[in-house]
């Protein structure tokens, strides 16, 4: 099921099929079209000559020849004329036709470029919205791994306003924990009240320096606190029979036993799915999780997921911040204010935004790991 955004050259994607944003003639051109033909070799052009062209919004398939991908799906995207001539309908059809053709061929993984966003002049934010809508709709009914491939350092900028708000939130929340000390030149340029840092490492280093300076400036006359006296170990006779005293166990819980262990991540996840009244399939699809991976989790009560996987399920189940932190704790994780990834998730959860694809667009924009996983 998963849908991922990646930075890569689409001609180097090792998937079952890559999608070519082709011209109606299918005889090659510039941009992605030209790059795919160049990488596949002259055999691709010879096969394309036999297809008789392709209509806008439709798709046709050929072999991949010298490409790492086994197949190339050629689709013709619409040109942008202000959005008043059915451009969105035609663009949605490009994605649906390509995905349906891949499904007919039994393919399990497909990589798309952002169709029509280059020479065709389709606004990138609108092109991305249509791509996400078409792919998400398809994946709710079919199992396939889909990649949207962005070349180099190109930014999707699907919503500049949202990204600006997230960046402001990260700066505010991150700096609260890691104060940044400005030098005189920065105060002259940005003002004495500005809070700036270029990287997380800079902020952490500044925080460490700030802490060290405070320690040096602290009064030295204060006598050190005496070390606490060690607590005598309990006698063997005081321990309950057939019990195991856990390290760091409190006096309030002397009868701690293995049988009293808290529920695992897997148990809490399945319980939350039942409480929400949704199916397993609906949950892992909303989480951008592969069906095979979910099957592994369901079969293993002690399964240890990655942090993005845990948070993907939290988003799919629409958990609040407290429940999200509880689910993370079951897997041995916690939300941190010194992590951009964690702060982005906190930003969306606090605002009750649970669209995994929209969240992933923001994570991609900030060069963070995406939600979801592939087995």
Protein backbone atom coordinates (compact mmCIF):
# COMPACT_ATOMS: atom_id res chain seq x y z
CA UNK A 1 0.00 0.00 0.00
CA UNK A 2 2.68 2.60 0.88
CA UNK A 3 3.09 5.88 -1.01
CA UNK A 4 6.45 7.60 -0.62
CA UNK A 5 8.05 10.78 -1.92
CA UNK A 6 11.75 10.35 -2.77
CA UNK A 7 14.55 12.44 -4.23
CA UNK A 8 16.15 10.47 -7.03
CA UNK A 9 16.68 10.20 -10.76
CA UNK A 10 13.64 8.25 -11.95
CA UNK A 11 15.75 6.38 -14.50
CA UNK A 12 17.64 4.80 -11.59
CA UNK A 13 14.59 3.57 -9.67
CA UNK A 14 14.63 -0.21 -9.18
CA UNK A 15 10.89 -0.81 -9.37
CA UNK A 16 8.61 -2.90 -11.53
CA UNK A 17 7.71 0.12 -13.66
CA UNK A 18 8.51 3.79 -14.00
CA UNK A 19 6.06 6.23 -15.53
CA UNK A 20 7.10 8.45 -18.42
CA UNK A 21 5.47 11.86 -18.89
CA UNK A 22 5.36 11.44 -22.65
CA UNK A 23 4.29 13.40 -25.70
CA UNK A 24 1.22 12.18 -27.62
CA UNK A 25 3.49 10.67 -30.30
CA UNK A 26 5.40 8.61 -27.69
CA UNK A 27 8.53 9.24 -29.77
CA UNK A 28 10.59 10.97 -27.12
CA UNK A 29 11.20 14.58 -26.22
CA UNK A 30 12.84 16.68 -23.54
CA UNK A 31 12.86 16.55 -19.73
CA UNK A 32 11.86 13.28 -18.13
CA UNK A 33 10.74 11.87 -21.48
CA UNK A 34 14.15 12.41 -23.07
CA UNK A 35 16.03 11.13 -20.01
CA UNK A 36 14.03 7.89 -19.96
CA UNK A 37 14.56 7.25 -23.67
CA UNK A 38 18.28 7.94 -23.33
CA UNK A 39 18.66 5.57 -20.39
CA UNK A 40 16.51 2.81 -21.91
CA UNK A 41 18.33 2.80 -25.23
CA UNK A 42 17.10 2.88 -28.86
CA UNK A 43 15.02 -0.28 -28.38
CA UNK A 44 12.47 1.73 -26.40
CA UNK A 45 11.88 4.13 -29.28
CA UNK A 46 11.47 1.22 -31.71
CA UNK A 47 8.73 -0.32 -29.56
CA UNK A 48 7.04 3.04 -29.05
CA UNK A 49 6.77 3.44 -32.83
CA UNK A 50 4.47 0.40 -32.87
CA UNK A 51 1.98 1.83 -30.33
CA UNK A 52 0.33 4.44 -32.52
CA UNK A 53 0.66 7.29 -30.03
CA UNK A 54 -1.40 7.96 -26.90
CA UNK A 55 -4.27 10.25 -25.96
CA UNK A 56 -4.04 12.79 -23.12
CA UNK A 57 -4.96 11.13 -19.83
CA UNK A 58 -4.38 7.59 -21.15
CA UNK A 59 -1.43 5.22 -20.70
CA UNK A 60 0.45 2.53 -22.63
CA UNK A 61 3.18 0.14 -21.52
CA UNK A 62 6.51 -1.02 -22.99
CA UNK A 63 9.51 -2.95 -21.77
CA UNK A 64 12.17 -1.14 -19.78
CA UNK A 65 15.13 -2.44 -21.83
CA UNK A 66 18.33 -0.99 -20.32
CA UNK A 67 16.55 0.64 -17.37
CA UNK A 68 16.61 -0.95 -13.89
CA UNK A 69 12.79 -0.96 -14.12
CA UNK A 70 11.21 -3.87 -15.96
CA UNK A 71 8.61 -1.70 -17.69
CA UNK A 72 7.90 1.87 -18.74
CA UNK A 73 4.32 3.14 -18.55
CA UNK A 74 3.86 6.09 -20.90
CA UNK A 75 1.15 8.62 -20.11
CA UNK A 76 0.35 11.98 -21.70
CA UNK A 77 -0.33 14.79 -19.24
CA UNK A 78 -2.46 17.86 -19.97
CA UNK A 79 -1.10 21.34 -20.61
CA UNK A 80 -2.16 24.02 -18.16
CA UNK A 81 -4.60 26.61 -19.55
CA UNK A 82 -5.74 28.20 -16.30
CA UNK A 83 -7.63 25.16 -15.01
CA UNK A 84 -10.77 25.91 -17.00
CA UNK A 85 -10.46 23.17 -19.62
CA UNK A 86 -10.65 19.97 -17.61
CA UNK A 87 -6.93 19.87 -16.77
CA UNK A 88 -7.45 18.28 -13.34
CA UNK A 89 -9.74 15.57 -14.68
CA UNK A 90 -7.19 14.70 -17.36
CA UNK A 91 -4.29 14.69 -14.89
CA UNK A 92 -6.16 12.44 -12.47
CA UNK A 93 -6.81 10.13 -15.41
CA UNK A 94 -3.05 9.94 -16.13
CA UNK A 95 -2.37 8.52 -12.69
CA UNK A 96 -5.40 6.22 -12.60
CA UNK A 97 -4.77 4.84 -16.10
CA UNK A 98 -1.12 4.19 -15.27
CA UNK A 99 -1.91 2.48 -11.97
CA UNK A 100 -4.68 0.36 -13.46
CA UNK A 101 -2.37 -0.71 -16.28
CA UNK A 102 0.29 -1.65 -13.71
CA UNK A 103 -2.28 -3.67 -11.74
CA UNK A 104 -3.39 -5.50 -14.90
CA UNK A 105 0.22 -6.53 -15.46
CA UNK A 106 0.54 -7.78 -11.87
CA UNK A 107 3.15 -5.16 -10.95
CA UNK A 108 3.84 -4.40 -7.29
CA UNK A 109 5.85 -1.14 -7.43
CA UNK A 110 5.56 1.95 -9.62
CA UNK A 111 7.49 5.24 -9.66
CA UNK A 112 5.94 8.46 -11.00
CA UNK A 113 7.40 11.83 -11.86
CA UNK A 114 5.22 14.85 -11.03
CA UNK A 115 3.29 14.71 -14.30
CA UNK A 116 2.68 17.95 -16.26
CA UNK A 117 4.58 20.09 -13.75
CA UNK A 118 7.44 20.84 -16.16
CA UNK A 119 7.07 22.03 -19.76
CA UNK A 120 3.28 21.60 -19.61
CA UNK A 121 3.14 24.45 -17.10
CA UNK A 122 0.85 22.81 -14.55
CA UNK A 123 1.29 24.61 -11.18
CA UNK A 124 3.35 22.37 -8.97
CA UNK A 125 1.11 22.63 -5.92
CA UNK A 126 -1.96 21.70 -7.97
CA UNK A 127 -0.07 18.91 -9.76
CA UNK A 128 0.95 17.46 -6.38
CA UNK A 129 -2.60 17.71 -5.04
CA UNK A 130 -3.91 15.74 -8.02
CA UNK A 131 -1.13 13.14 -7.75
CA UNK A 132 -1.85 12.57 -4.08
CA UNK A 133 -5.61 12.39 -4.63
CA UNK A 134 -5.37 9.84 -7.44
CA UNK A 135 -2.73 7.65 -5.78
CA UNK A 136 -4.39 7.69 -2.36
CA UNK A 137 -7.75 6.74 -3.86
CA UNK A 138 -6.21 3.85 -5.80
CA UNK A 139 -4.23 2.52 -2.84
CA UNK A 140 -7.28 2.37 -0.60
CA UNK A 141 -8.50 -0.48 -2.83
CA UNK A 142 -5.28 -2.08 -4.12
CA UNK A 143 -1.97 -3.24 -2.65
CA UNK A 144 0.94 -1.59 -4.44
CA UNK A 145 3.98 0.47 -3.49
CA UNK A 146 4.02 3.83 -5.24
CA UNK A 147 6.81 6.40 -5.35
CA UNK A 148 6.62 10.02 -6.39
CA UNK A 149 10.12 10.89 -7.57
CA UNK A 150 11.44 14.43 -7.23
CA UNK A 151 14.75 15.15 -8.91
CA UNK A 152 17.68 16.61 -6.96
CA UNK A 153 16.96 19.26 -4.34
CA UNK A 154 13.74 20.42 -5.98
CA UNK A 155 11.10 21.37 -3.44
CA UNK A 156 7.47 20.36 -3.78
CA UNK A 157 6.21 23.46 -1.93
CA UNK A 158 2.66 22.15 -2.00
CA UNK A 159 1.66 24.69 0.62
CA UNK A 160 4.12 27.46 1.39
CA UNK A 161 1.87 28.81 4.14
CA UNK A 162 1.74 25.46 5.97
CA UNK A 163 5.50 24.97 5.65
CA UNK A 164 6.08 28.49 6.99
CA UNK A 165 3.83 27.78 9.97
CA UNK A 166 5.57 24.48 10.67
CA UNK A 167 8.99 26.12 10.43
CA UNK A 168 7.89 28.80 12.89
CA UNK A 169 6.55 26.12 15.24
CA UNK A 170 9.84 24.17 15.06
CA UNK A 171 11.89 27.31 15.72
CA UNK A 172 9.74 28.28 18.69
CA UNK A 173 9.50 24.85 20.32
CA UNK A 174 13.05 23.77 19.55
CA UNK A 175 14.65 26.98 20.81
CA UNK A 176 12.71 26.75 24.09
CA UNK A 177 14.82 23.73 24.94
CA UNK A 178 18.03 24.80 23.21
CA UNK A 179 18.63 28.58 23.59
CA UNK A 180 20.80 30.14 20.90
CA UNK A 181 23.21 32.89 21.89
CA UNK A 182 23.68 35.50 19.21
CA UNK A 183 26.93 37.28 18.48
CA UNK A 184 27.15 41.04 18.00
CA UNK A 185 27.09 40.85 14.19
CA UNK A 186 23.86 38.82 14.20
CA UNK A 187 22.24 41.29 16.59
CA UNK A 188 23.19 44.12 14.24
CA UNK A 189 21.64 42.33 11.24
CA UNK A 190 18.59 40.62 12.76
CA UNK A 191 17.94 42.62 15.93
CA UNK A 192 18.69 41.81 19.54
CA UNK A 193 15.34 40.08 20.07
CA UNK A 194 15.72 37.63 17.16
CA UNK A 195 16.12 33.91 17.87
CA UNK A 196 18.23 32.21 15.24
CA UNK A 197 20.07 28.99 14.62
CA UNK A 198 21.19 27.44 11.37
CA UNK A 199 21.18 23.77 12.36
CA UNK A 200 20.13 21.56 15.25
CA UNK A 201 23.80 20.87 15.95
CA UNK A 202 24.51 24.61 16.28
CA UNK A 203 21.64 25.01 18.71
CA UNK A 204 22.77 22.07 20.83
CA UNK A 205 26.35 23.33 20.87
CA UNK A 206 25.16 26.79 21.90
CA UNK A 207 23.05 25.30 24.66
CA UNK A 208 26.03 23.35 25.97
CA UNK A 209 28.22 26.47 25.92
CA UNK A 210 25.52 28.48 27.69
CA UNK A 211 25.24 25.82 30.40
CA UNK A 212 29.04 25.70 30.88
CA UNK A 213 29.25 29.48 31.22
CA UNK A 214 26.51 29.47 33.87
CA UNK A 215 28.40 26.83 35.85
CA UNK A 216 31.60 28.91 35.72
CA UNK A 217 29.72 31.98 36.93
CA UNK A 218 28.02 30.17 39.82
CA UNK A 219 29.24 30.88 43.37
CA UNK A 220 31.97 28.47 44.41
CA UNK A 221 31.50 28.85 48.20
CA UNK A 222 28.56 26.52 48.42
CA UNK A 223 29.47 23.23 50.06
CA UNK A 224 28.75 20.11 48.04
CA UNK A 225 25.70 18.09 48.98
CA UNK A 226 26.60 15.00 51.00
CA UNK A 227 26.22 11.73 49.12
CA UNK A 228 23.17 9.73 50.21
CA UNK A 229 23.84 6.67 52.36
CA UNK A 230 23.43 3.43 50.46
CA UNK A 231 20.20 1.60 51.25
CA UNK A 232 20.83 -1.88 52.66
CA UNK A 233 19.85 -4.69 50.34
CA UNK A 234 16.78 -6.66 51.44
CA UNK A 235 17.38 -10.02 53.00
CA UNK A 236 16.55 -13.07 50.95
CA UNK A 237 13.76 -13.99 53.35
CA UNK A 238 12.02 -10.63 52.77
CA UNK A 239 11.46 -11.29 49.04
CA UNK A 240 8.15 -12.94 48.15
CA UNK A 241 8.42 -16.51 46.98
CA UNK A 242 8.44 -17.16 43.20
CA UNK A 243 8.88 -13.47 42.40
CA UNK A 244 11.52 -11.47 40.57
CA UNK A 245 12.50 -8.09 41.99
CA UNK A 246 12.89 -5.73 39.00
CA UNK A 247 15.84 -3.31 38.91
CA UNK A 248 14.85 0.11 40.25
CA UNK A 249 11.59 -1.29 41.59
CA UNK A 250 9.89 1.06 44.03
CA UNK A 251 9.02 0.17 47.60
CA UNK A 252 5.39 0.78 46.69
CA UNK A 253 5.42 -2.20 44.34
CA UNK A 254 7.46 -4.95 46.04
CA UNK A 255 5.37 -7.67 44.44
CA UNK A 256 6.33 -6.85 40.82
CA UNK A 257 6.13 -9.98 38.72
CA UNK A 258 6.53 -10.92 35.06
CA UNK A 259 2.81 -11.65 35.01
CA UNK A 260 2.15 -7.99 35.77
CA UNK A 261 4.00 -6.61 32.70
CA UNK A 262 2.17 -3.82 30.89
CA UNK A 263 0.71 -4.47 27.45
CA UNK A 264 3.11 -4.44 24.52
CA UNK A 265 3.06 -2.14 21.49
CA UNK A 266 1.31 -4.84 19.47
CA UNK A 267 -1.37 -5.36 22.12
CA UNK A 268 -2.08 -1.65 22.49
CA UNK A 269 -2.20 -1.20 18.70
CA UNK A 270 -4.73 -4.01 18.22
CA UNK A 271 -6.77 -2.76 21.17
CA UNK A 272 -6.93 0.74 19.68
CA UNK A 273 -8.00 -0.66 16.30
CA UNK A 274 -10.87 -2.49 18.00
CA UNK A 275 -11.83 0.59 20.02
CA UNK A 276 -11.95 2.71 16.85
CA UNK A 277 -14.18 0.11 15.19
CA UNK A 278 -12.10 -0.08 11.99
CA UNK A 279 -10.66 -3.03 10.11
CA UNK A 280 -7.00 -3.98 10.11
CA UNK A 281 -6.82 -3.13 6.41
CA UNK A 282 -8.27 0.32 6.92
CA UNK A 283 -5.75 0.97 9.68
CA UNK A 284 -2.59 -0.07 7.85
CA UNK A 285 -3.67 1.65 4.65
CA UNK A 286 -4.33 4.92 6.52
CA UNK A 287 -0.94 4.47 8.17
CA UNK A 288 0.85 4.06 4.82
CA UNK A 289 1.98 0.63 6.02
CA UNK A 290 2.58 -2.43 3.90
CA UNK A 291 0.19 -5.34 4.48
CA UNK A 292 3.07 -7.79 4.99
CA UNK A 293 4.59 -5.62 7.68
CA UNK A 294 1.27 -5.34 9.49
CA UNK A 295 0.96 -9.13 9.35
CA UNK A 296 4.34 -9.45 11.07
CA UNK A 297 3.23 -7.07 13.81
CA UNK A 298 -0.04 -8.93 14.35
CA UNK A 299 1.73 -12.29 14.67
CA UNK A 300 4.45 -11.13 17.10
CA UNK A 301 3.37 -9.76 20.48
CA UNK A 302 6.94 -8.52 21.08
CA UNK A 303 7.45 -6.89 17.68
CA UNK A 304 9.75 -3.83 17.85
CA UNK A 305 8.68 -1.26 15.22
CA UNK A 306 10.58 1.80 14.05
CA UNK A 307 9.56 5.21 15.35
CA UNK A 308 8.08 6.35 11.97
CA UNK A 309 5.98 3.18 11.93
CA UNK A 310 4.62 3.82 15.44
CA UNK A 311 3.74 7.42 14.58
CA UNK A 312 2.15 6.32 11.32
CA UNK A 313 -0.25 4.13 13.30
CA UNK A 314 -0.89 6.98 15.74
CA UNK A 315 -1.93 9.16 12.80
CA UNK A 316 -4.05 6.39 11.26
CA UNK A 317 -5.88 5.89 14.56
CA UNK A 318 -6.23 9.66 15.07
CA UNK A 319 -4.70 9.48 18.54
CA UNK A 320 -4.34 12.59 20.65
CA UNK A 321 -0.95 13.68 21.94
CA UNK A 322 -1.23 11.77 25.23
CA UNK A 323 -2.26 8.51 23.54
CA UNK A 324 0.45 8.97 20.90
CA UNK A 325 3.10 9.31 23.60
CA UNK A 326 1.71 6.20 25.31
CA UNK A 327 1.92 4.19 22.08
CA UNK A 328 5.48 5.41 21.53
CA UNK A 329 6.41 4.40 25.07
CA UNK A 330 5.22 0.84 24.39
CA UNK A 331 7.82 0.65 21.60
CA UNK A 332 10.57 2.30 23.63
CA UNK A 333 10.35 5.79 22.10
CA UNK A 334 9.31 9.28 23.16
CA UNK A 335 8.58 12.61 21.50
CA UNK A 336 11.47 15.05 21.81
CA UNK A 337 11.53 18.82 21.42
CA UNK A 338 15.06 18.57 20.03
CA UNK A 339 14.00 16.64 16.92
CA UNK A 340 12.47 18.28 13.84
CA UNK A 341 10.74 15.00 12.96
CA UNK A 342 9.08 14.80 16.36
CA UNK A 343 8.08 18.46 16.36
CA UNK A 344 6.46 18.19 12.93
CA UNK A 345 4.37 15.25 14.17
CA UNK A 346 3.51 17.12 17.35
CA UNK A 347 2.44 20.13 15.25
CA UNK A 348 -0.05 18.09 13.22
CA UNK A 349 -1.36 16.00 16.12
CA UNK A 350 -2.01 19.10 18.22
CA UNK A 351 -4.08 20.47 15.31
CA UNK A 352 -5.91 17.14 14.77
CA UNK A 353 -4.58 16.78 11.21
CA UNK A 354 -4.38 13.06 10.47
CA UNK A 355 -3.71 12.87 6.73
CA UNK A 356 -0.51 10.81 6.48
CA UNK A 357 0.18 12.00 2.94
CA UNK A 358 -0.04 15.68 3.85
CA UNK A 359 2.21 15.08 6.83
CA UNK A 360 4.70 13.26 4.63
CA UNK A 361 4.83 16.22 2.24
CA UNK A 362 5.93 18.40 5.14
CA UNK A 363 8.42 15.81 6.39
CA UNK A 364 9.85 15.59 2.86
CA UNK A 365 10.16 19.36 2.67
CA UNK A 366 12.22 19.33 5.88
CA UNK A 367 14.34 16.32 4.78
CA UNK A 368 12.94 14.04 7.48
CA UNK A 369 11.99 10.35 7.43
CA UNK A 370 8.50 9.72 6.09
CA UNK A 371 5.68 7.98 7.92
CA UNK A 372 4.99 4.39 7.04
CA UNK A 373 7.18 1.48 6.13
CA UNK A 374 7.66 -1.31 3.66
CA UNK A 375 8.25 -4.87 4.79
